[in-house]
Amino acid sequence: MSKRLSTLSILVPDYEAGIAFFVGQLGFDLLEDSDHGGGKRWVKVAPQGAETAFLIAKASTPEQVAAIGNQGGGRVWLILETDDFGRDHAAFTTNGIVFEEQPRHEPYGTVAVFNDPFGNRWDLIEFS
């Protein structure tokens, strides 16, 4: 029996803001957007060709709203691997992504931290 991590939930203030960021700014594919009634939707996005997707989850309780942008407790918790750091860094910058730092070269690869519009911290990384 094999297992894999297929989908992770990420809290956002609303579905459209999540889609705008993941699809519009990061260039992810919109895999599914199904209406489940009562204001709930099943919205899945992923980088092209990725096995793992995000379920864009609209925060609906005070606890969930408080956790938007802080699911990693203030540290980088999302790592987006690329095969061409320069291409994606330039595209993200053009699309309004705000990087906390200039790209840096580490023994393991090229990396820079960026923030999504919800407050989460990400690494964009090309491993050596």
N, C-alpha and C. Protein backbone atom coordinates (compact mmCIF):
# COMPACT_ATOMS: atom_id res chain seq x y z
N MET A 1 0.84 -1.18 0.00
CA MET A 1 0.00 0.00 0.00
C MET A 1 0.88 1.24 0.00
N SER A 2 0.65 2.13 -0.92
CA SER A 2 1.42 3.37 -0.97
C SER A 2 0.58 4.53 -0.46
N LYS A 3 1.27 5.55 -0.03
CA LYS A 3 0.61 6.76 0.45
C LYS A 3 1.31 7.96 -0.17
N ARG A 4 0.56 9.04 -0.30
CA ARG A 4 1.14 10.29 -0.76
C ARG A 4 0.34 11.43 -0.17
N LEU A 5 0.98 12.54 -0.04
CA LEU A 5 0.31 13.74 0.42
C LEU A 5 -0.30 14.40 -0.80
N SER A 6 -1.62 14.41 -0.88
CA SER A 6 -2.28 14.88 -2.11
C SER A 6 -2.73 16.33 -2.04
N THR A 7 -3.24 16.75 -0.89
CA THR A 7 -3.82 18.08 -0.79
C THR A 7 -3.59 18.66 0.60
N LEU A 8 -3.24 19.93 0.64
CA LEU A 8 -3.09 20.68 1.88
C LEU A 8 -4.09 21.82 1.87
N SER A 9 -4.72 22.08 2.99
CA SER A 9 -5.63 23.23 3.10
C SER A 9 -4.85 24.47 3.47
N ILE A 10 -5.20 25.58 2.85
CA ILE A 10 -4.61 26.86 3.22
C ILE A 10 -5.76 27.86 3.41
N LEU A 11 -5.75 28.52 4.55
CA LEU A 11 -6.81 29.46 4.88
C LEU A 11 -6.61 30.79 4.17
N VAL A 12 -7.69 31.29 3.62
CA VAL A 12 -7.71 32.59 2.95
C VAL A 12 -8.97 33.34 3.39
N PRO A 13 -8.99 34.66 3.22
CA PRO A 13 -10.18 35.42 3.62
C PRO A 13 -11.38 35.15 2.72
N ASP A 14 -11.13 34.89 1.43
CA ASP A 14 -12.22 34.53 0.53
C ASP A 14 -11.64 33.78 -0.67
N TYR A 15 -12.49 33.06 -1.35
CA TYR A 15 -12.05 32.22 -2.47
C TYR A 15 -11.43 33.03 -3.59
N GLU A 16 -12.04 34.14 -3.94
CA GLU A 16 -11.54 34.92 -5.08
C GLU A 16 -10.14 35.46 -4.81
N ALA A 17 -9.88 35.89 -3.58
CA ALA A 17 -8.53 36.36 -3.24
C ALA A 17 -7.52 35.22 -3.36
N GLY A 18 -7.92 34.03 -2.93
CA GLY A 18 -7.04 32.87 -3.05
C GLY A 18 -6.74 32.52 -4.49
N ILE A 19 -7.77 32.51 -5.31
CA ILE A 19 -7.59 32.21 -6.74
C ILE A 19 -6.73 33.29 -7.39
N ALA A 20 -6.99 34.54 -7.08
CA ALA A 20 -6.22 35.63 -7.66
C ALA A 20 -4.73 35.48 -7.36
N PHE A 21 -4.40 35.09 -6.13
CA PHE A 21 -3.00 34.92 -5.78
C PHE A 21 -2.39 33.69 -6.43
N PHE A 22 -2.99 32.53 -6.16
CA PHE A 22 -2.38 31.29 -6.62
C PHE A 22 -2.37 31.15 -8.14
N VAL A 23 -3.45 31.50 -8.78
CA VAL A 23 -3.54 31.35 -10.23
C VAL A 23 -3.00 32.60 -10.92
N GLY A 24 -3.44 33.78 -10.48
CA GLY A 24 -3.06 35.01 -11.14
C GLY A 24 -1.63 35.43 -10.91
N GLN A 25 -1.12 35.29 -9.69
CA GLN A 25 0.23 35.76 -9.40
C GLN A 25 1.28 34.66 -9.45
N LEU A 26 0.98 33.48 -8.90
CA LEU A 26 1.96 32.41 -8.92
C LEU A 26 1.91 31.56 -10.18
N GLY A 27 0.80 31.66 -10.93
CA GLY A 27 0.69 30.89 -12.16
C GLY A 27 0.30 29.44 -11.96
N PHE A 28 -0.28 29.11 -10.80
CA PHE A 28 -0.74 27.75 -10.55
C PHE A 28 -1.93 27.44 -11.44
N ASP A 29 -2.19 26.17 -11.64
CA ASP A 29 -3.38 25.72 -12.37
C ASP A 29 -4.57 25.65 -11.42
N LEU A 30 -5.72 26.08 -11.89
CA LEU A 30 -6.97 25.90 -11.16
C LEU A 30 -7.49 24.52 -11.52
N LEU A 31 -7.39 23.58 -10.59
CA LEU A 31 -7.75 22.19 -10.84
C LEU A 31 -9.24 21.94 -10.69
N GLU A 32 -9.85 22.64 -9.75
CA GLU A 32 -11.27 22.43 -9.48
C GLU A 32 -11.84 23.64 -8.76
N ASP A 33 -13.07 23.98 -9.09
CA ASP A 33 -13.81 25.02 -8.39
C ASP A 33 -15.27 24.60 -8.41
N SER A 34 -15.67 23.87 -7.37
CA SER A 34 -17.01 23.31 -7.30
C SER A 34 -17.80 23.97 -6.18
N ASP A 35 -19.03 24.32 -6.48
CA ASP A 35 -19.94 24.90 -5.50
C ASP A 35 -20.51 23.77 -4.65
N HIS A 36 -20.34 23.87 -3.34
CA HIS A 36 -20.88 22.86 -2.42
C HIS A 36 -22.09 23.38 -1.66
N GLY A 37 -22.60 24.53 -2.07
CA GLY A 37 -23.79 25.08 -1.43
C GLY A 37 -23.48 25.79 -0.13
N GLY A 38 -24.36 26.67 0.24
CA GLY A 38 -24.22 27.39 1.51
C GLY A 38 -22.98 28.27 1.56
N GLY A 39 -22.50 28.70 0.41
CA GLY A 39 -21.32 29.56 0.36
C GLY A 39 -20.01 28.81 0.39
N LYS A 40 -20.07 27.48 0.43
CA LYS A 40 -18.84 26.68 0.45
C LYS A 40 -18.49 26.22 -0.95
N ARG A 41 -17.18 26.24 -1.22
CA ARG A 41 -16.67 25.76 -2.50
C ARG A 41 -15.49 24.83 -2.26
N TRP A 42 -15.24 23.97 -3.21
CA TRP A 42 -14.08 23.10 -3.20
C TRP A 42 -13.17 23.64 -4.30
N VAL A 43 -12.14 24.39 -3.89
CA VAL A 43 -11.25 25.05 -4.84
C VAL A 43 -9.85 24.48 -4.65
N LYS A 44 -9.35 23.81 -5.70
CA LYS A 44 -8.02 23.20 -5.65
C LYS A 44 -7.12 23.84 -6.71
N VAL A 45 -5.90 24.15 -6.29
CA VAL A 45 -4.89 24.72 -7.18
C VAL A 45 -3.58 23.98 -6.97
N ALA A 46 -2.73 24.00 -8.00
CA ALA A 46 -1.41 23.37 -7.89
C ALA A 46 -0.50 23.92 -8.97
N PRO A 47 0.81 23.90 -8.70
CA PRO A 47 1.73 24.23 -9.78
C PRO A 47 1.56 23.20 -10.90
N GLN A 48 1.81 23.63 -12.12
CA GLN A 48 1.65 22.73 -13.26
C GLN A 48 2.49 21.46 -13.05
N GLY A 49 1.83 20.31 -13.18
CA GLY A 49 2.50 19.02 -13.07
C GLY A 49 2.76 18.52 -11.66
N ALA A 50 2.38 19.29 -10.65
CA ALA A 50 2.64 18.89 -9.26
C ALA A 50 1.70 17.77 -8.82
N GLU A 51 2.17 16.96 -7.92
CA GLU A 51 1.33 15.90 -7.34
C GLU A 51 0.51 16.41 -6.16
N THR A 52 1.02 17.41 -5.46
CA THR A 52 0.36 17.93 -4.28
C THR A 52 -0.33 19.25 -4.63
N ALA A 53 -1.56 19.40 -4.14
CA ALA A 53 -2.36 20.60 -4.43
C ALA A 53 -2.71 21.31 -3.13
N PHE A 54 -3.17 22.54 -3.28
CA PHE A 54 -3.75 23.29 -2.17
C PHE A 54 -5.26 23.29 -2.32
N LEU A 55 -5.95 23.08 -1.22
CA LEU A 55 -7.38 23.34 -1.13
C LEU A 55 -7.49 24.74 -0.55
N ILE A 56 -8.02 25.67 -1.33
CA ILE A 56 -8.21 27.03 -0.84
C ILE A 56 -9.43 27.01 0.06
N ALA A 57 -9.18 27.24 1.35
CA ALA A 57 -10.24 27.14 2.36
C ALA A 57 -10.60 28.53 2.88
N LYS A 58 -11.83 28.94 2.63
CA LYS A 58 -12.29 30.23 3.14
C LYS A 58 -12.49 30.12 4.65
N ALA A 59 -11.81 30.97 5.39
CA ALA A 59 -11.95 30.97 6.85
C ALA A 59 -13.38 31.32 7.22
N SER A 60 -13.96 30.52 8.12
CA SER A 60 -15.37 30.72 8.45
C SER A 60 -15.66 30.85 9.95
N THR A 61 -14.65 30.70 10.78
CA THR A 61 -14.83 30.88 12.22
C THR A 61 -13.83 31.91 12.71
N PRO A 62 -14.05 32.50 13.88
CA PRO A 62 -13.07 33.46 14.39
C PRO A 62 -11.67 32.85 14.54
N GLU A 63 -11.59 31.59 14.91
CA GLU A 63 -10.29 30.93 15.05
C GLU A 63 -9.60 30.80 13.70
N GLN A 64 -10.36 30.45 12.68
CA GLN A 64 -9.79 30.32 11.34
C GLN A 64 -9.36 31.68 10.80
N VAL A 65 -10.18 32.68 10.99
CA VAL A 65 -9.82 34.03 10.54
C VAL A 65 -8.51 34.47 11.21
N ALA A 66 -8.38 34.20 12.51
CA ALA A 66 -7.15 34.58 13.23
C ALA A 66 -5.93 33.82 12.71
N ALA A 67 -6.12 32.66 12.13
CA ALA A 67 -5.00 31.84 11.64
C ALA A 67 -4.58 32.17 10.21
N ILE A 68 -5.37 32.98 9.51
CA ILE A 68 -4.99 33.34 8.13
C ILE A 68 -3.61 33.98 8.15
N GLY A 69 -2.73 33.47 7.32
CA GLY A 69 -1.39 34.02 7.22
C GLY A 69 -0.45 33.63 8.33
N ASN A 70 -0.92 32.83 9.26
CA ASN A 70 -0.08 32.43 10.40
C ASN A 70 -0.10 30.93 10.61
N GLN A 71 -0.39 30.19 9.57
CA GLN A 71 -0.44 28.74 9.72
C GLN A 71 0.95 28.15 10.01
N GLY A 72 2.00 28.91 9.68
CA GLY A 72 3.36 28.46 9.97
C GLY A 72 3.94 29.12 11.21
N GLY A 73 3.11 29.80 11.97
CA GLY A 73 3.59 30.41 13.21
C GLY A 73 4.61 31.52 12.99
N GLY A 74 4.59 32.16 11.82
CA GLY A 74 5.50 33.26 11.53
C GLY A 74 6.79 32.85 10.83
N ARG A 75 7.00 31.56 10.67
CA ARG A 75 8.21 31.12 9.97
C ARG A 75 7.86 30.69 8.55
N VAL A 76 8.88 30.56 7.71
CA VAL A 76 8.65 30.01 6.38
C VAL A 76 8.12 28.59 6.58
N TRP A 77 6.97 28.32 5.97
CA TRP A 77 6.42 26.96 6.08
C TRP A 77 6.04 26.39 4.72
N LEU A 78 6.10 27.22 3.70
CA LEU A 78 5.79 26.77 2.36
C LEU A 78 7.03 26.93 1.50
N ILE A 79 7.43 25.87 0.83
CA ILE A 79 8.63 25.87 0.02
C ILE A 79 8.24 25.50 -1.40
N LEU A 80 8.40 26.46 -2.29
CA LEU A 80 8.05 26.27 -3.69
C LEU A 80 9.34 26.04 -4.47
N GLU A 81 9.52 24.81 -4.93
CA GLU A 81 10.73 24.45 -5.68
C GLU A 81 10.53 24.74 -7.16
N THR A 82 11.57 25.27 -7.79
CA THR A 82 11.55 25.59 -9.20
C THR A 82 12.77 24.99 -9.89
N ASP A 83 12.66 24.81 -11.19
CA ASP A 83 13.83 24.36 -11.96
C ASP A 83 14.54 25.54 -12.61
N ASP A 84 14.02 26.77 -12.41
CA ASP A 84 14.64 27.97 -12.97
C ASP A 84 14.32 29.15 -12.06
N PHE A 85 15.17 29.36 -11.08
CA PHE A 85 14.94 30.41 -10.09
C PHE A 85 14.81 31.78 -10.75
N GLY A 86 15.74 32.11 -11.64
CA GLY A 86 15.72 33.43 -12.27
C GLY A 86 14.43 33.72 -13.01
N ARG A 87 13.95 32.73 -13.76
CA ARG A 87 12.69 32.89 -14.51
C ARG A 87 11.54 33.17 -13.56
N ASP A 88 11.40 32.34 -12.53
CA ASP A 88 10.25 32.47 -11.64
C ASP A 88 10.36 33.69 -10.73
N HIS A 89 11.56 34.01 -10.27
CA HIS A 89 11.73 35.21 -9.45
C HIS A 89 11.31 36.44 -10.25
N ALA A 90 11.74 36.52 -11.51
CA ALA A 90 11.38 37.66 -12.36
C ALA A 90 9.87 37.71 -12.61
N ALA A 91 9.28 36.57 -12.92
CA ALA A 91 7.84 36.51 -13.18
C ALA A 91 7.04 36.89 -11.94
N PHE A 92 7.43 36.36 -10.79
CA PHE A 92 6.71 36.67 -9.56
C PHE A 92 6.81 38.16 -9.24
N THR A 93 8.01 38.72 -9.40
CA THR A 93 8.19 40.14 -9.12
C THR A 93 7.31 40.97 -10.05
N THR A 94 7.27 40.61 -11.32
CA THR A 94 6.42 41.30 -12.29
C THR A 94 4.95 41.19 -11.90
N ASN A 95 4.56 40.04 -11.31
CA ASN A 95 3.18 39.80 -10.91
C ASN A 95 2.84 40.37 -9.53
N GLY A 96 3.74 41.15 -8.95
CA GLY A 96 3.45 41.82 -7.68
C GLY A 96 3.82 41.07 -6.43
N ILE A 97 4.54 39.96 -6.55
CA ILE A 97 4.98 39.22 -5.37
C ILE A 97 6.06 40.04 -4.67
N VAL A 98 5.95 40.17 -3.35
CA VAL A 98 6.92 40.93 -2.57
C VAL A 98 7.90 39.97 -1.90
N PHE A 99 9.17 40.12 -2.24
CA PHE A 99 10.23 39.32 -1.62
C PHE A 99 10.79 40.07 -0.43
N GLU A 100 11.08 39.34 0.64
CA GLU A 100 11.66 39.93 1.84
C GLU A 100 13.14 40.23 1.67
N GLU A 101 13.77 39.61 0.70
CA GLU A 101 15.22 39.68 0.57
C GLU A 101 15.60 39.51 -0.89
N GLN A 102 16.84 39.83 -1.17
CA GLN A 102 17.41 39.56 -2.49
C GLN A 102 17.72 38.06 -2.57
N PRO A 103 17.70 37.49 -3.77
CA PRO A 103 18.07 36.08 -3.89
C PRO A 103 19.46 35.85 -3.30
N ARG A 104 19.59 34.71 -2.62
CA ARG A 104 20.88 34.37 -2.04
C ARG A 104 21.28 32.97 -2.46
N HIS A 105 22.57 32.79 -2.55
CA HIS A 105 23.11 31.50 -2.98
C HIS A 105 23.64 30.78 -1.75
N GLU A 106 23.06 29.65 -1.47
CA GLU A 106 23.44 28.82 -0.33
C GLU A 106 24.05 27.53 -0.87
N PRO A 107 24.71 26.75 -0.01
CA PRO A 107 25.30 25.50 -0.48
C PRO A 107 24.27 24.55 -1.11
N TYR A 108 23.02 24.67 -0.71
CA TYR A 108 21.97 23.78 -1.22
C TYR A 108 21.24 24.33 -2.44
N GLY A 109 21.43 25.64 -2.76
CA GLY A 109 20.76 26.21 -3.92
C GLY A 109 20.54 27.70 -3.80
N THR A 110 19.74 28.23 -4.71
CA THR A 110 19.38 29.65 -4.73
C THR A 110 18.00 29.80 -4.12
N VAL A 111 17.84 30.77 -3.22
CA VAL A 111 16.60 30.90 -2.46
C VAL A 111 16.31 32.36 -2.15
N ALA A 112 15.04 32.68 -2.02
CA ALA A 112 14.59 33.98 -1.51
C ALA A 112 13.23 33.77 -0.86
N VAL A 113 13.02 34.51 0.21
CA VAL A 113 11.75 34.43 0.95
C VAL A 113 10.80 35.47 0.40
N PHE A 114 9.55 35.04 0.17
CA PHE A 114 8.50 35.98 -0.24
C PHE A 114 7.28 35.78 0.62
N ASN A 115 6.39 36.77 0.56
CA ASN A 115 5.15 36.75 1.35
C ASN A 115 3.96 36.69 0.42
N ASP A 116 2.99 35.88 0.80
CA ASP A 116 1.73 35.92 0.04
C ASP A 116 0.89 37.06 0.61
N PRO A 117 -0.18 37.44 -0.05
CA PRO A 117 -0.97 38.58 0.42
C PRO A 117 -1.71 38.31 1.73
N PHE A 118 -1.67 37.08 2.21
CA PHE A 118 -2.38 36.73 3.44
C PHE A 118 -1.45 36.75 4.66
N GLY A 119 -0.12 36.83 4.42
CA GLY A 119 0.84 36.89 5.51
C GLY A 119 1.72 35.67 5.65
N ASN A 120 1.50 34.63 4.86
CA ASN A 120 2.35 33.44 4.92
C ASN A 120 3.70 33.72 4.30
N ARG A 121 4.74 33.11 4.86
CA ARG A 121 6.09 33.24 4.34
C ARG A 121 6.45 31.98 3.56
N TRP A 122 7.05 32.18 2.39
CA TRP A 122 7.42 31.11 1.47
C TRP A 122 8.89 31.20 1.12
N ASP A 123 9.48 30.07 0.79
CA ASP A 123 10.77 30.04 0.11
C ASP A 123 10.51 29.72 -1.35
N LEU A 124 11.11 30.50 -2.25
CA LEU A 124 11.23 30.10 -3.65
C LEU A 124 12.65 29.58 -3.75
N ILE A 125 12.80 28.34 -4.20
CA ILE A 125 14.12 27.73 -4.18
C ILE A 125 14.38 26.89 -5.42
N GLU A 126 15.61 27.01 -5.90
CA GLU A 126 16.11 26.09 -6.92
C GLU A 126 17.28 25.36 -6.27
N PHE A 127 17.08 24.07 -6.01
CA PHE A 127 18.14 23.29 -5.38
C PHE A 127 19.27 23.06 -6.37
N SER A 128 20.51 23.04 -5.84
CA SER A 128 21.68 22.79 -6.70
C SER A 128 21.76 21.31 -7.03
